[in-house]
Amino acid sequence: MPISRLTVLFLLVSTLVLGSCASSYQRLLKNPDVNKKYEAAIAYYEKGDYFRAGTLLEDLIPLLKGRPEAEKAQFYFANTNYKQRNYVLSAFYFKQFNDTYPTSAYAEESAFLNAKSLFLDSPGFELDQTNTVSALESIQDFLNRYPESKFKPETENMSQELQKKLENKAFESARLYYQLRYNQAAVVALTNFQQDYPASGFAEQAAFLRLTAQFAWAQESIESKQRERFSEAVSFYQQFLDAYPRSKNLKAAQEMYDVSQAQIVKLKAMPASASN
């Protein structure tokens, strides 16, 4: 299909305009006039051109020290990184801004965006959760400092999502011990999970896996330790039955309980020398 003269003309004009804009921007980067550069950076920012605004502001910030424009420049620079999804950098620069200007008109929003940057940088639950913990600490600091903030509902939602991620991580880590048949470690991890997350949606599954791991640990133990460990399995069964009397795993739990009770009776009947 042939290209019309009008289309060719439009493409030519567009190319010339873009070239002119690029040339103008390059001249700004080299321009020593701080005021002109600052005005251009703000104009780019307000148009949503965060890359160019950020590049100019990064050059300007050291030159604006002591001037009233410095505060706005630093906040805008942090936000250009946030807008471009450079969340590690935006978290760093928002925190730096708050440390430098704790009473600024931008301080609340900056503290919120610092927390949100860390939230958005938090990895999936299957990965290391150091960043998630840092995000939760930042969120709590924000809520303590601005308890009536307009950002409070969103911040609380972020906190709940991160807490859920840590809950998933804790359960999956405990279940991994169980799957690998590290039964003693599984019992400890699942017990800790139950204590830390008593209202978890995984609570019933954790209780059943803990009973199963304890039962397996008792079976594989030397005779001198079996009575104690089967007794613990019985205790775990009773706790499971009390908490989940309609569980789909109740039959399997009952079978482990019956075997545990039988083993305890058998071990009690053995001569002391035979069980040591």
Protein backbone atom coordinates (compact mmCIF):
# COMPACT_ATOMS: atom_id res chain seq x y z
CA MET A 1 0.00 0.00 0.00
CA PRO A 2 1.62 3.30 -1.08
CA ILE A 3 2.40 5.87 1.58
CA SER A 4 0.63 9.18 1.07
CA ARG A 5 2.45 12.49 0.92
CA LEU A 6 0.57 13.59 4.03
CA THR A 7 1.91 10.60 5.98
CA VAL A 8 5.45 11.27 4.82
CA LEU A 9 5.11 14.91 5.83
CA PHE A 10 3.77 13.95 9.26
CA LEU A 11 6.64 11.53 9.86
CA LEU A 12 9.16 14.13 8.78
CA VAL A 13 7.72 16.80 11.06
CA SER A 14 7.56 14.34 13.97
CA THR A 15 11.19 13.37 13.45
CA LEU A 16 12.25 17.00 13.38
CA VAL A 17 10.27 17.81 16.55
CA LEU A 18 11.67 14.83 18.42
CA GLY A 19 15.17 15.67 17.26
CA SER A 20 14.73 19.25 18.38
CA CYS A 21 13.46 18.11 21.81
CA ALA A 22 16.36 15.72 22.25
CA SER A 23 18.81 18.41 21.22
CA SER A 24 17.20 20.85 23.67
CA TYR A 25 17.43 18.31 26.48
CA GLN A 26 21.09 17.60 25.75
CA ARG A 27 21.82 21.32 25.91
CA LEU A 28 20.04 21.50 29.28
CA LEU A 29 22.24 18.74 30.67
CA LYS A 30 25.32 20.80 29.83
CA ASN A 31 23.81 24.15 30.83
CA PRO A 32 25.55 25.66 33.91
CA ASP A 33 22.51 27.83 34.71
CA VAL A 34 21.10 26.18 37.85
CA ASN A 35 17.83 28.15 37.76
CA LYS A 36 17.07 27.28 34.16
CA LYS A 37 17.95 23.65 34.73
CA TYR A 38 15.73 23.50 37.84
CA GLU A 39 12.75 25.04 36.03
CA ALA A 40 13.17 22.54 33.19
CA ALA A 41 13.39 19.62 35.62
CA ILE A 42 10.15 20.65 37.33
CA ALA A 43 8.47 21.09 33.97
CA TYR A 44 9.54 17.61 32.85
CA TYR A 45 8.32 16.18 36.18
CA GLU A 46 4.90 17.81 35.90
CA LYS A 47 4.54 16.46 32.34
CA GLY A 48 5.29 12.95 33.61
CA ASP A 49 8.70 12.68 31.94
CA TYR A 50 10.31 11.18 35.05
CA PHE A 51 13.45 9.95 33.35
CA ARG A 52 14.53 13.39 32.14
CA ALA A 53 13.33 15.08 35.31
CA GLY A 54 15.27 12.61 37.43
CA THR A 55 18.46 12.99 35.43
CA LEU A 56 18.36 16.78 35.74
CA LEU A 57 17.45 16.70 39.44
CA GLU A 58 20.26 14.29 40.25
CA ASP A 59 22.72 16.79 38.77
CA LEU A 60 21.04 19.70 40.53
CA ILE A 61 20.72 18.42 44.09
CA PRO A 62 24.37 19.03 45.10
CA LEU A 63 24.15 22.53 43.55
CA LEU A 64 20.95 23.44 45.42
CA LYS A 65 22.27 22.86 48.94
CA GLY A 66 21.22 25.71 51.20
CA ARG A 67 18.61 26.97 48.75
CA PRO A 68 14.83 26.69 49.32
CA GLU A 69 14.45 24.70 46.10
CA ALA A 70 16.56 21.87 47.52
CA GLU A 71 13.70 20.35 49.53
CA LYS A 72 11.34 20.07 46.57
CA ALA A 73 14.13 18.86 44.30
CA GLN A 74 15.03 16.00 46.65
CA PHE A 75 11.42 14.89 47.09
CA TYR A 76 10.76 15.03 43.35
CA PHE A 77 13.98 13.14 42.65
CA ALA A 78 12.97 10.34 45.04
CA ASN A 79 9.57 10.21 43.37
CA THR A 80 11.04 9.99 39.86
CA ASN A 81 12.66 6.74 40.95
CA TYR A 82 9.39 5.52 42.42
CA LYS A 83 7.47 6.40 39.26
CA GLN A 84 10.02 4.47 37.21
CA ARG A 85 9.66 1.46 39.55
CA ASN A 86 13.19 1.72 40.86
CA TYR A 87 11.89 0.76 44.29
CA VAL A 88 15.22 0.06 45.99
CA LEU A 89 16.43 3.53 45.02
CA SER A 90 13.15 5.28 45.80
CA ALA A 91 13.06 3.69 49.29
CA PHE A 92 16.60 4.90 49.92
CA TYR A 93 15.96 8.45 48.69
CA PHE A 94 12.61 8.84 50.47
CA LYS A 95 14.25 7.79 53.73
CA GLN A 96 17.13 10.17 53.06
CA PHE A 97 14.60 12.95 52.42
CA ASN A 98 12.81 12.30 55.73
CA ASP A 99 16.08 12.23 57.63
CA THR A 100 17.02 15.58 56.09
CA TYR A 101 13.59 17.27 56.20
CA PRO A 102 11.59 15.64 59.05
CA THR A 103 9.18 18.61 59.30
CA SER A 104 8.69 19.11 55.57
CA ALA A 105 5.24 19.45 54.03
CA TYR A 106 6.27 16.41 51.99
CA ALA A 107 7.39 14.39 55.05
CA GLU A 108 4.22 12.33 55.48
CA GLU A 109 3.92 11.42 51.82
CA SER A 110 7.63 10.69 51.68
CA ALA A 111 7.41 8.34 54.69
CA PHE A 112 4.45 6.58 53.10
CA LEU A 113 6.21 6.19 49.76
CA ASN A 114 9.31 4.88 51.51
CA ALA A 115 7.15 2.17 53.10
CA LYS A 116 5.32 1.48 49.84
CA SER A 117 8.61 1.21 47.92
CA LEU A 118 9.80 -1.43 50.38
CA PHE A 119 6.42 -3.16 50.12
CA LEU A 120 6.62 -3.27 46.32
CA ASP A 121 10.20 -4.57 46.51
CA SER A 122 9.19 -7.44 48.82
CA PRO A 123 9.79 -10.79 47.06
CA GLY A 124 7.51 -13.80 46.77
CA PHE A 125 7.08 -15.82 49.98
CA GLU A 126 9.27 -18.64 48.68
CA LEU A 127 12.33 -16.33 48.74
CA ASP A 128 14.27 -14.75 51.59
CA GLN A 129 11.97 -12.39 53.53
CA THR A 130 14.52 -9.89 54.91
CA ASN A 131 13.04 -7.15 52.70
CA THR A 132 9.52 -8.05 53.85
CA VAL A 133 10.53 -7.60 57.48
CA SER A 134 12.12 -4.24 56.64
CA ALA A 135 8.92 -3.18 54.87
CA LEU A 136 6.80 -4.13 57.89
CA GLU A 137 9.08 -2.16 60.20
CA SER A 138 8.82 0.87 57.92
CA ILE A 139 5.03 0.55 57.79
CA GLN A 140 4.80 0.35 61.58
CA ASP A 141 7.05 3.40 61.93
CA PHE A 142 4.77 5.29 59.56
CA LEU A 143 1.59 4.29 61.45
CA ASN A 144 3.16 5.27 64.75
CA ARG A 145 4.18 8.65 63.41
CA TYR A 146 1.01 9.40 61.42
CA PRO A 147 -1.85 7.52 63.14
CA GLU A 148 -4.51 9.67 61.44
CA SER A 149 -2.92 9.74 57.98
CA LYS A 150 -5.03 9.62 54.84
CA PHE A 151 -2.66 6.84 53.76
CA LYS A 152 -3.51 4.70 56.81
CA PRO A 153 -6.03 2.32 55.11
CA GLU A 154 -3.65 1.53 52.25
CA THR A 155 -0.74 1.14 54.66
CA GLU A 156 -2.70 -1.28 56.85
CA ASN A 157 -3.63 -3.32 53.76
CA MET A 158 0.04 -3.50 52.81
CA SER A 159 0.89 -4.67 56.33
CA GLN A 160 -1.73 -7.43 56.19
CA GLU A 161 -0.44 -8.63 52.82
CA LEU A 162 3.14 -8.75 54.10
CA GLN A 163 2.09 -10.56 57.27
CA LYS A 164 0.32 -13.14 55.12
CA LYS A 165 3.50 -13.56 53.10
CA LEU A 166 5.52 -14.24 56.26
CA GLU A 167 2.83 -16.69 57.39
CA ASN A 168 3.06 -18.56 54.08
CA LYS A 169 6.84 -18.59 54.33
CA ALA A 170 6.77 -19.97 57.89
CA PHE A 171 4.31 -22.72 57.00
CA GLU A 172 6.09 -23.78 53.82
CA SER A 173 9.44 -23.85 55.62
CA ALA A 174 7.97 -26.05 58.36
CA ARG A 175 6.26 -28.30 55.82
CA LEU A 176 9.54 -28.69 53.94
CA TYR A 177 11.13 -30.26 57.03
CA TYR A 178 8.18 -32.66 57.12
CA GLN A 179 8.48 -33.52 53.43
CA LEU A 180 12.22 -34.17 53.83
CA ARG A 181 11.43 -36.40 56.83
CA TYR A 182 13.46 -34.27 59.23
CA ASN A 183 10.84 -35.16 61.80
CA GLN A 184 12.34 -33.57 64.91
CA ALA A 185 12.93 -30.28 63.06
CA ALA A 186 9.43 -30.48 61.58
CA VAL A 187 7.85 -30.83 65.03
CA VAL A 188 9.76 -27.79 66.32
CA ALA A 189 8.98 -25.67 63.24
CA LEU A 190 5.29 -26.62 63.17
CA THR A 191 4.94 -25.94 66.89
CA ASN A 192 6.50 -22.51 66.40
CA PHE A 193 4.15 -21.88 63.50
CA GLN A 194 1.10 -22.73 65.60
CA GLN A 195 2.27 -20.39 68.35
CA ASP A 196 3.05 -17.53 65.96
CA TYR A 197 -0.06 -17.88 63.75
CA PRO A 198 -2.86 -19.43 65.86
CA ALA A 199 -5.60 -18.07 63.56
CA SER A 200 -3.90 -19.12 60.32
CA GLY A 201 -5.77 -20.83 57.53
CA PHE A 202 -3.00 -23.44 57.69
CA ALA A 203 -3.55 -24.11 61.41
CA GLU A 204 -5.40 -27.42 61.00
CA GLN A 205 -2.92 -28.73 58.45
CA ALA A 206 -0.02 -27.66 60.68
CA ALA A 207 -1.55 -29.49 63.67
CA PHE A 208 -2.00 -32.70 61.67
CA LEU A 209 1.50 -32.55 60.19
CA ARG A 210 2.95 -31.96 63.66
CA LEU A 211 1.18 -35.08 64.96
CA THR A 212 2.37 -37.10 61.95
CA ALA A 213 5.97 -35.90 62.33
CA GLN A 214 5.95 -36.62 66.08
CA PHE A 215 4.56 -40.11 65.48
CA ALA A 216 7.22 -40.84 62.83
CA TRP A 217 9.94 -39.45 65.10
CA ALA A 218 8.79 -41.74 67.93
CA GLN A 219 8.80 -44.77 65.63
CA GLU A 220 12.35 -44.13 64.43
CA SER A 221 13.72 -43.39 67.91
CA ILE A 222 15.75 -45.75 70.07
CA GLU A 223 13.64 -47.66 72.58
CA SER A 224 14.76 -45.59 75.57
CA LYS A 225 13.22 -42.48 73.92
CA GLN A 226 10.13 -44.02 72.40
CA ARG A 227 7.82 -43.96 75.41
CA GLU A 228 8.33 -40.22 75.91
CA ARG A 229 7.87 -39.47 72.21
CA PHE A 230 4.80 -41.65 71.73
CA SER A 231 3.30 -39.93 74.79
CA GLU A 232 3.90 -36.60 73.10
CA ALA A 233 2.16 -37.92 69.97
CA VAL A 234 -0.83 -38.85 72.14
CA SER A 235 -0.88 -35.32 73.53
CA PHE A 236 -0.74 -33.84 70.02
CA TYR A 237 -3.62 -36.09 68.97
CA GLN A 238 -5.76 -34.93 71.87
CA GLN A 239 -5.06 -31.28 71.00
CA PHE A 240 -5.89 -31.98 67.35
CA LEU A 241 -9.15 -33.75 68.26
CA ASP A 242 -10.23 -30.91 70.56
CA ALA A 243 -9.52 -28.24 67.94
CA TYR A 244 -10.73 -30.08 64.81
CA PRO A 245 -13.29 -32.75 65.74
CA ARG A 246 -14.65 -32.83 62.17
CA SER A 247 -11.31 -32.88 60.37
CA LYS A 248 -11.00 -35.01 57.23
CA ASN A 249 -7.72 -36.28 58.75
CA LEU A 250 -9.35 -37.52 61.93
CA LYS A 251 -9.27 -41.20 60.92
CA ALA A 252 -5.54 -41.09 60.17
CA ALA A 253 -4.93 -39.20 63.40
CA GLN A 254 -6.94 -41.82 65.34
CA GLU A 255 -4.83 -44.63 63.85
CA MET A 256 -1.62 -42.90 64.99
CA TYR A 257 -3.14 -42.41 68.42
CA ASP A 258 -4.09 -46.10 68.71
CA VAL A 259 -0.61 -47.27 67.67
CA SER A 260 1.01 -44.78 70.06
CA GLN A 261 -1.13 -45.98 72.97
CA ALA A 262 -0.33 -49.59 72.16
CA GLN A 263 3.39 -48.85 72.01
CA ILE A 264 3.27 -47.03 75.35
CA VAL A 265 1.58 -50.05 76.99
CA LYS A 266 4.13 -52.40 75.42
CA LEU A 267 7.08 -50.25 76.53
CA LYS A 268 5.71 -50.01 80.08
CA ALA A 269 5.56 -53.79 80.26
CA MET A 270 9.15 -54.23 79.17
CA PRO A 271 11.80 -54.84 81.85
CA ALA A 272 13.74 -51.68 82.70
CA SER A 273 16.98 -53.19 81.45
CA ALA A 274 15.43 -53.99 78.07
CA SER A 275 14.24 -50.44 77.45
CA ASN A 276 17.55 -48.74 78.36
